[in-house]
Amino acid sequence: YMQTLKGIALEKGILSDIIFTGLLSGKEKLAAYSAADIFVLPSRSEGFPVTVLEACASGLPVIITDRCNFPEIKTYGAGLEVPCMESPLYEALISILDNDEQRKEMGNNGKSMVLSKYNWDSIVKRLEEVYRNVVSKS
């Protein structure tokens, strides 16, 4: 799909503004998160996007589509959830880029969300709860 995306960027006159990295892992991925101002996942379908957690843990505000299945972003104020269309994504990007204070607040909220909801203690407690419910219903 990379060639399609490059073609769209060329057509829109923004190819030179975009870095197409391909897969990043390890230190390269951490460096990319550190260098970013915002994380955007303009997905049409997601199960549980771990990249959103990684971005939040890195202190980045996130912009996701309503098809990412991550309602906590809105609940915790960690970013914006928009319809999966070009115009709302564009407006969300401009909104966050134009507001340093909001960007910092969302980044801090996302970091807090990850630390409180997605740490091992919290995950284990929720898993134990699921097991208790299953056992009590059998």
N, C-alpha and C. Protein backbone atom coordinates (compact mmCIF):
# COMPACT_ATOMS: atom_id res chain seq x y z
N TYR A 1 0.82 -1.20 0.00
CA TYR A 1 0.00 0.00 0.00
C TYR A 1 0.86 1.26 0.00
N MET A 2 2.15 1.08 0.28
CA MET A 2 3.08 2.21 0.37
C MET A 2 3.10 3.04 -0.92
N GLN A 3 3.13 2.37 -2.07
CA GLN A 3 3.17 3.11 -3.34
C GLN A 3 1.90 3.92 -3.56
N THR A 4 0.77 3.36 -3.14
CA THR A 4 -0.50 4.09 -3.25
C THR A 4 -0.45 5.35 -2.40
N LEU A 5 0.03 5.21 -1.16
CA LEU A 5 0.12 6.37 -0.27
C LEU A 5 1.08 7.43 -0.81
N LYS A 6 2.20 6.99 -1.34
CA LYS A 6 3.15 7.94 -1.93
C LYS A 6 2.53 8.66 -3.13
N GLY A 7 1.74 7.93 -3.91
CA GLY A 7 1.06 8.53 -5.05
C GLY A 7 0.05 9.59 -4.62
N ILE A 8 -0.68 9.30 -3.57
CA ILE A 8 -1.65 10.27 -3.04
C ILE A 8 -0.92 11.50 -2.52
N ALA A 9 0.18 11.29 -1.79
CA ALA A 9 0.95 12.41 -1.25
C ALA A 9 1.53 13.26 -2.37
N LEU A 10 2.00 12.61 -3.43
CA LEU A 10 2.54 13.33 -4.58
C LEU A 10 1.44 14.16 -5.25
N GLU A 11 0.29 13.54 -5.43
CA GLU A 11 -0.86 14.21 -6.04
C GLU A 11 -1.29 15.44 -5.23
N LYS A 12 -1.21 15.34 -3.91
CA LYS A 12 -1.61 16.44 -3.03
C LYS A 12 -0.50 17.47 -2.84
N GLY A 13 0.68 17.18 -3.37
CA GLY A 13 1.80 18.11 -3.26
C GLY A 13 2.45 18.13 -1.89
N ILE A 14 2.34 17.03 -1.15
CA ILE A 14 2.91 16.99 0.21
C ILE A 14 3.94 15.86 0.38
N LEU A 15 4.35 15.25 -0.70
CA LEU A 15 5.27 14.11 -0.61
C LEU A 15 6.55 14.47 0.13
N SER A 16 7.07 15.67 -0.11
CA SER A 16 8.32 16.06 0.54
C SER A 16 8.14 16.36 2.04
N ASP A 17 6.89 16.47 2.49
CA ASP A 17 6.60 16.73 3.91
C ASP A 17 6.42 15.46 4.73
N ILE A 18 6.44 14.31 4.07
CA ILE A 18 6.14 13.04 4.74
C ILE A 18 7.36 12.14 4.72
N ILE A 19 7.60 11.49 5.83
CA ILE A 19 8.66 10.49 5.92
C ILE A 19 7.99 9.12 5.98
N PHE A 20 8.21 8.31 4.99
CA PHE A 20 7.68 6.95 4.97
C PHE A 20 8.78 6.04 5.51
N THR A 21 8.63 5.63 6.74
CA THR A 21 9.70 4.87 7.41
C THR A 21 9.63 3.38 7.19
N GLY A 22 8.44 2.86 6.95
CA GLY A 22 8.28 1.41 7.00
C GLY A 22 8.26 0.99 8.45
N LEU A 23 8.44 -0.29 8.72
CA LEU A 23 8.39 -0.82 10.07
C LEU A 23 9.53 -0.27 10.92
N LEU A 24 9.18 0.23 12.08
CA LEU A 24 10.18 0.68 13.06
C LEU A 24 10.05 -0.18 14.30
N SER A 25 11.17 -0.53 14.90
CA SER A 25 11.12 -1.30 16.15
C SER A 25 12.27 -0.84 17.04
N GLY A 26 12.21 -1.26 18.29
CA GLY A 26 13.28 -0.97 19.23
C GLY A 26 13.55 0.52 19.39
N LYS A 27 14.84 0.84 19.37
CA LYS A 27 15.28 2.23 19.57
C LYS A 27 14.77 3.17 18.48
N GLU A 28 14.67 2.67 17.26
CA GLU A 28 14.16 3.51 16.16
C GLU A 28 12.72 3.93 16.42
N LYS A 29 11.91 2.99 16.93
CA LYS A 29 10.51 3.31 17.21
C LYS A 29 10.42 4.32 18.35
N LEU A 30 11.19 4.11 19.40
CA LEU A 30 11.19 5.05 20.52
C LEU A 30 11.64 6.44 20.08
N ALA A 31 12.64 6.48 19.22
CA ALA A 31 13.12 7.77 18.71
C ALA A 31 12.04 8.48 17.89
N ALA A 32 11.28 7.71 17.13
CA ALA A 32 10.20 8.30 16.32
C ALA A 32 9.11 8.88 17.22
N TYR A 33 8.73 8.16 18.26
CA TYR A 33 7.75 8.69 19.21
C TYR A 33 8.29 9.95 19.88
N SER A 34 9.55 9.93 20.26
CA SER A 34 10.15 11.09 20.93
C SER A 34 10.20 12.32 20.04
N ALA A 35 10.37 12.11 18.75
CA ALA A 35 10.49 13.22 17.81
C ALA A 35 9.13 13.77 17.36
N ALA A 36 8.07 13.02 17.65
CA ALA A 36 6.74 13.40 17.15
C ALA A 36 6.06 14.41 18.08
N ASP A 37 5.10 15.14 17.51
CA ASP A 37 4.26 16.05 18.27
C ASP A 37 2.88 15.45 18.51
N ILE A 38 2.44 14.59 17.59
CA ILE A 38 1.11 13.98 17.63
C ILE A 38 1.23 12.58 17.03
N PHE A 39 0.37 11.68 17.50
CA PHE A 39 0.26 10.36 16.88
C PHE A 39 -1.12 10.27 16.25
N VAL A 40 -1.17 9.89 14.99
CA VAL A 40 -2.44 9.79 14.26
C VAL A 40 -2.59 8.37 13.73
N LEU A 41 -3.75 7.77 14.04
CA LEU A 41 -4.06 6.45 13.50
C LEU A 41 -5.37 6.56 12.71
N PRO A 42 -5.25 6.85 11.40
CA PRO A 42 -6.45 7.05 10.58
C PRO A 42 -7.01 5.74 10.05
N SER A 43 -7.20 4.79 10.94
CA SER A 43 -7.57 3.44 10.56
C SER A 43 -9.04 3.29 10.20
N ARG A 44 -9.30 2.35 9.32
CA ARG A 44 -10.67 2.00 8.95
C ARG A 44 -11.18 0.83 9.79
N SER A 45 -10.26 0.12 10.46
CA SER A 45 -10.65 -1.02 11.28
C SER A 45 -9.49 -1.44 12.18
N GLU A 46 -9.76 -1.52 13.47
CA GLU A 46 -8.75 -1.96 14.43
C GLU A 46 -9.40 -2.85 15.47
N GLY A 47 -8.63 -3.76 16.04
CA GLY A 47 -9.09 -4.56 17.16
C GLY A 47 -8.71 -3.87 18.45
N PHE A 48 -7.43 -3.88 18.76
CA PHE A 48 -6.90 -3.17 19.92
C PHE A 48 -5.53 -2.63 19.49
N PRO A 49 -5.47 -1.37 19.08
CA PRO A 49 -4.22 -0.83 18.53
C PRO A 49 -3.18 -0.52 19.62
N VAL A 50 -2.21 -1.40 19.73
CA VAL A 50 -1.14 -1.23 20.72
C VAL A 50 -0.33 0.03 20.44
N THR A 51 -0.26 0.43 19.19
CA THR A 51 0.48 1.65 18.85
C THR A 51 -0.08 2.87 19.56
N VAL A 52 -1.40 2.87 19.79
CA VAL A 52 -2.02 3.98 20.52
C VAL A 52 -1.52 4.01 21.96
N LEU A 53 -1.42 2.84 22.59
CA LEU A 53 -0.87 2.76 23.95
C LEU A 53 0.58 3.22 23.98
N GLU A 54 1.36 2.80 23.00
CA GLU A 54 2.76 3.21 22.93
C GLU A 54 2.88 4.72 22.80
N ALA A 55 2.06 5.30 21.95
CA ALA A 55 2.09 6.75 21.75
C ALA A 55 1.70 7.47 23.04
N CYS A 56 0.65 6.98 23.69
CA CYS A 56 0.21 7.60 24.95
C CYS A 56 1.30 7.47 26.01
N ALA A 57 1.92 6.31 26.11
CA ALA A 57 2.99 6.11 27.08
C ALA A 57 4.16 7.04 26.81
N SER A 58 4.31 7.44 25.56
CA SER A 58 5.37 8.37 25.18
C SER A 58 4.97 9.83 25.40
N GLY A 59 3.75 10.04 25.87
CA GLY A 59 3.29 11.40 26.16
C GLY A 59 2.75 12.15 24.96
N LEU A 60 2.38 11.41 23.93
CA LEU A 60 1.85 12.06 22.73
C LEU A 60 0.33 12.13 22.77
N PRO A 61 -0.25 13.25 22.36
CA PRO A 61 -1.69 13.26 22.15
C PRO A 61 -1.98 12.42 20.91
N VAL A 62 -3.14 11.79 20.88
CA VAL A 62 -3.45 10.93 19.74
C VAL A 62 -4.71 11.39 19.04
N ILE A 63 -4.75 11.14 17.76
CA ILE A 63 -5.95 11.33 16.96
C ILE A 63 -6.24 9.98 16.34
N ILE A 64 -7.44 9.48 16.63
CA ILE A 64 -7.84 8.19 16.09
C ILE A 64 -9.20 8.34 15.42
N THR A 65 -9.53 7.37 14.58
CA THR A 65 -10.85 7.37 13.98
C THR A 65 -11.81 6.60 14.89
N ASP A 66 -13.08 6.77 14.63
CA ASP A 66 -14.10 6.07 15.40
C ASP A 66 -14.13 4.58 15.11
N ARG A 67 -13.25 4.11 14.26
CA ARG A 67 -13.18 2.69 13.94
C ARG A 67 -11.98 2.01 14.61
N CYS A 68 -11.32 2.74 15.50
CA CYS A 68 -10.15 2.19 16.19
C CYS A 68 -10.50 1.41 17.45
N ASN A 69 -11.75 1.48 17.88
CA ASN A 69 -12.19 0.73 19.07
C ASN A 69 -11.35 1.04 20.30
N PHE A 70 -11.18 2.33 20.57
CA PHE A 70 -10.39 2.75 21.73
C PHE A 70 -11.09 3.92 22.42
N PRO A 71 -12.24 3.66 23.05
CA PRO A 71 -13.02 4.76 23.65
C PRO A 71 -12.31 5.47 24.80
N GLU A 72 -11.31 4.82 25.38
CA GLU A 72 -10.58 5.43 26.50
C GLU A 72 -9.89 6.73 26.10
N ILE A 73 -9.59 6.88 24.83
CA ILE A 73 -8.93 8.12 24.38
C ILE A 73 -9.82 9.31 24.70
N LYS A 74 -11.10 9.19 24.40
CA LYS A 74 -12.05 10.26 24.73
C LYS A 74 -12.27 10.33 26.24
N THR A 75 -12.49 9.19 26.86
CA THR A 75 -12.79 9.13 28.29
C THR A 75 -11.71 9.81 29.12
N TYR A 76 -10.46 9.55 28.80
CA TYR A 76 -9.33 10.09 29.56
C TYR A 76 -8.84 11.44 29.02
N GLY A 77 -9.40 11.90 27.91
CA GLY A 77 -8.96 13.17 27.34
C GLY A 77 -7.55 13.09 26.79
N ALA A 78 -7.19 11.91 26.26
CA ALA A 78 -5.83 11.67 25.76
C ALA A 78 -5.66 12.06 24.30
N GLY A 79 -6.73 12.51 23.68
CA GLY A 79 -6.67 12.87 22.28
C GLY A 79 -8.06 13.06 21.72
N LEU A 80 -8.16 12.96 20.41
CA LEU A 80 -9.43 13.17 19.73
C LEU A 80 -9.81 11.93 18.94
N GLU A 81 -11.09 11.60 18.96
CA GLU A 81 -11.63 10.53 18.12
C GLU A 81 -12.53 11.20 17.10
N VAL A 82 -12.28 10.93 15.82
CA VAL A 82 -13.02 11.59 14.75
C VAL A 82 -13.58 10.55 13.77
N PRO A 83 -14.59 10.93 13.00
CA PRO A 83 -15.08 10.02 11.96
C PRO A 83 -13.97 9.70 10.97
N CYS A 84 -14.06 8.53 10.37
CA CYS A 84 -13.02 8.07 9.45
C CYS A 84 -13.19 8.73 8.08
N MET A 85 -12.89 10.04 8.06
CA MET A 85 -12.99 10.83 6.83
C MET A 85 -11.88 11.88 6.84
N GLU A 86 -11.49 12.31 5.67
CA GLU A 86 -10.37 13.24 5.53
C GLU A 86 -10.57 14.56 6.27
N SER A 87 -11.71 15.19 6.10
CA SER A 87 -11.92 16.51 6.67
C SER A 87 -11.85 16.53 8.20
N PRO A 88 -12.54 15.62 8.90
CA PRO A 88 -12.42 15.63 10.36
C PRO A 88 -10.99 15.34 10.86
N LEU A 89 -10.27 14.48 10.15
CA LEU A 89 -8.88 14.22 10.52
C LEU A 89 -8.04 15.48 10.37
N TYR A 90 -8.23 16.17 9.27
CA TYR A 90 -7.50 17.41 9.01
C TYR A 90 -7.80 18.44 10.10
N GLU A 91 -9.09 18.61 10.39
CA GLU A 91 -9.49 19.60 11.41
C GLU A 91 -8.93 19.25 12.78
N ALA A 92 -8.90 17.96 13.13
CA ALA A 92 -8.35 17.54 14.41
C ALA A 92 -6.85 17.83 14.48
N LEU A 93 -6.15 17.54 13.39
CA LEU A 93 -4.71 17.82 13.34
C LEU A 93 -4.43 19.31 13.55
N ILE A 94 -5.13 20.14 12.83
CA ILE A 94 -4.93 21.59 12.95
C ILE A 94 -5.27 22.05 14.36
N SER A 95 -6.35 21.54 14.91
CA SER A 95 -6.79 21.91 16.25
C SER A 95 -5.70 21.63 17.29
N ILE A 96 -5.12 20.44 17.24
CA ILE A 96 -4.10 20.08 18.22
C ILE A 96 -2.78 20.79 17.94
N LEU A 97 -2.42 20.91 16.68
CA LEU A 97 -1.15 21.59 16.36
C LEU A 97 -1.19 23.07 16.74
N ASP A 98 -2.36 23.67 16.68
CA ASP A 98 -2.50 25.10 17.00
C ASP A 98 -2.63 25.39 18.49
N ASN A 99 -2.64 24.36 19.34
CA ASN A 99 -2.86 24.58 20.76
C ASN A 99 -1.85 23.80 21.60
N ASP A 100 -0.73 24.46 21.91
CA ASP A 100 0.34 23.80 22.68
C ASP A 100 -0.15 23.29 24.02
N GLU A 101 -0.96 24.08 24.69
CA GLU A 101 -1.44 23.70 26.03
C GLU A 101 -2.31 22.44 25.95
N GLN A 102 -3.22 22.40 24.99
CA GLN A 102 -4.07 21.24 24.81
C GLN A 102 -3.24 20.01 24.46
N ARG A 103 -2.25 20.19 23.60
CA ARG A 103 -1.39 19.09 23.19
C ARG A 103 -0.67 18.50 24.40
N LYS A 104 -0.13 19.36 25.26
CA LYS A 104 0.57 18.88 26.45
C LYS A 104 -0.39 18.18 27.41
N GLU A 105 -1.57 18.77 27.61
CA GLU A 105 -2.56 18.19 28.52
C GLU A 105 -2.99 16.80 28.03
N MET A 106 -3.28 16.68 26.74
CA MET A 106 -3.68 15.38 26.19
C MET A 106 -2.56 14.36 26.34
N GLY A 107 -1.33 14.80 26.08
CA GLY A 107 -0.19 13.89 26.24
C GLY A 107 -0.05 13.41 27.67
N ASN A 108 -0.20 14.32 28.62
CA ASN A 108 -0.13 13.94 30.04
C ASN A 108 -1.29 13.02 30.42
N ASN A 109 -2.48 13.31 29.90
CA ASN A 109 -3.64 12.46 30.19
C ASN A 109 -3.43 11.04 29.65
N GLY A 110 -2.86 10.95 28.47
CA GLY A 110 -2.60 9.64 27.88
C GLY A 110 -1.59 8.85 28.69
N LYS A 111 -0.56 9.53 29.14
CA LYS A 111 0.46 8.88 29.97
C LYS A 111 -0.17 8.37 31.26
N SER A 112 -1.00 9.20 31.89
CA SER A 112 -1.69 8.80 33.12
C SER A 112 -2.61 7.61 32.88
N MET A 113 -3.31 7.61 31.74
CA MET A 113 -4.20 6.51 31.40
C MET A 113 -3.42 5.20 31.33
N VAL A 114 -2.29 5.22 30.64
CA VAL A 114 -1.49 4.01 30.49
C VAL A 114 -0.97 3.54 31.85
N LEU A 115 -0.48 4.47 32.65
CA LEU A 115 0.07 4.10 33.95
C LEU A 115 -1.00 3.55 34.89
N SER A 116 -2.22 4.07 34.81
CA SER A 116 -3.27 3.63 35.74
C SER A 116 -4.06 2.42 35.23
N LYS A 117 -4.34 2.37 33.95
CA LYS A 117 -5.23 1.33 33.43
C LYS A 117 -4.50 0.17 32.77
N TYR A 118 -3.32 0.39 32.26
CA TYR A 118 -2.64 -0.64 31.49
C TYR A 118 -1.33 -1.09 32.12
N ASN A 119 -1.22 -0.96 33.45
CA ASN A 119 -0.06 -1.53 34.14
C ASN A 119 -0.40 -2.97 34.50
N TRP A 120 0.61 -3.76 34.86
CA TRP A 120 0.38 -5.19 35.10
C TRP A 120 -0.56 -5.44 36.27
N ASP A 121 -0.46 -4.66 37.34
CA ASP A 121 -1.36 -4.87 38.48
C ASP A 121 -2.81 -4.70 38.07
N SER A 122 -3.09 -3.66 37.35
CA SER A 122 -4.45 -3.38 36.89
C SER A 122 -4.95 -4.46 35.95
N ILE A 123 -4.10 -4.89 35.05
CA ILE A 123 -4.47 -5.93 34.07
C ILE A 123 -4.77 -7.24 34.78
N VAL A 124 -3.92 -7.62 35.75
CA VAL A 124 -4.12 -8.86 36.48
C VAL A 124 -5.42 -8.81 37.28
N LYS A 125 -5.71 -7.69 37.92
CA LYS A 125 -6.96 -7.56 38.69
C LYS A 125 -8.17 -7.74 37.78
N ARG A 126 -8.15 -7.14 36.60
CA ARG A 126 -9.28 -7.28 35.68
C ARG A 126 -9.40 -8.71 35.17
N LEU A 127 -8.27 -9.36 34.92
CA LEU A 127 -8.28 -10.74 34.46
C LEU A 127 -8.82 -11.67 35.55
N GLU A 128 -8.42 -11.45 36.80
CA GLU A 128 -8.94 -12.24 37.91
C GLU A 128 -10.45 -12.07 38.03
N GLU A 129 -10.91 -10.86 37.81
CA GLU A 129 -12.35 -10.58 37.86
C GLU A 129 -13.10 -11.37 36.78
N VAL A 130 -12.54 -11.42 35.60
CA VAL A 130 -13.14 -12.18 34.51
C VAL A 130 -13.22 -13.66 34.90
N TYR A 131 -12.12 -14.20 35.43
CA TYR A 131 -12.10 -15.61 35.83
C TYR A 131 -13.13 -15.88 36.93
N ARG A 132 -13.23 -15.00 37.90
CA ARG A 132 -14.22 -15.17 38.98
C ARG A 132 -15.64 -15.20 38.41
N ASN A 133 -15.92 -14.32 37.49
CA ASN A 133 -17.25 -14.28 36.87
C ASN A 133 -17.54 -15.56 36.09
N VAL A 134 -16.55 -16.08 35.41
CA VAL A 134 -16.74 -17.32 34.64
C VAL A 134 -16.99 -18.48 35.60
N VAL A 135 -16.20 -18.57 36.66
CA VAL A 135 -16.34 -19.66 37.62
C VAL A 135 -17.69 -19.58 38.34
N SER A 136 -18.12 -18.39 38.70
CA SER A 136 -19.38 -18.26 39.43
C SER A 136 -20.59 -18.57 38.56
N LYS A 137 -20.45 -18.51 37.24
CA LYS A 137 -21.56 -18.80 36.35
C LYS A 137 -21.60 -20.27 35.92
N SER A 138 -20.56 -21.03 36.32
CA SER A 138 -20.56 -22.43 35.91
C SER A 138 -21.07 -23.36 36.96
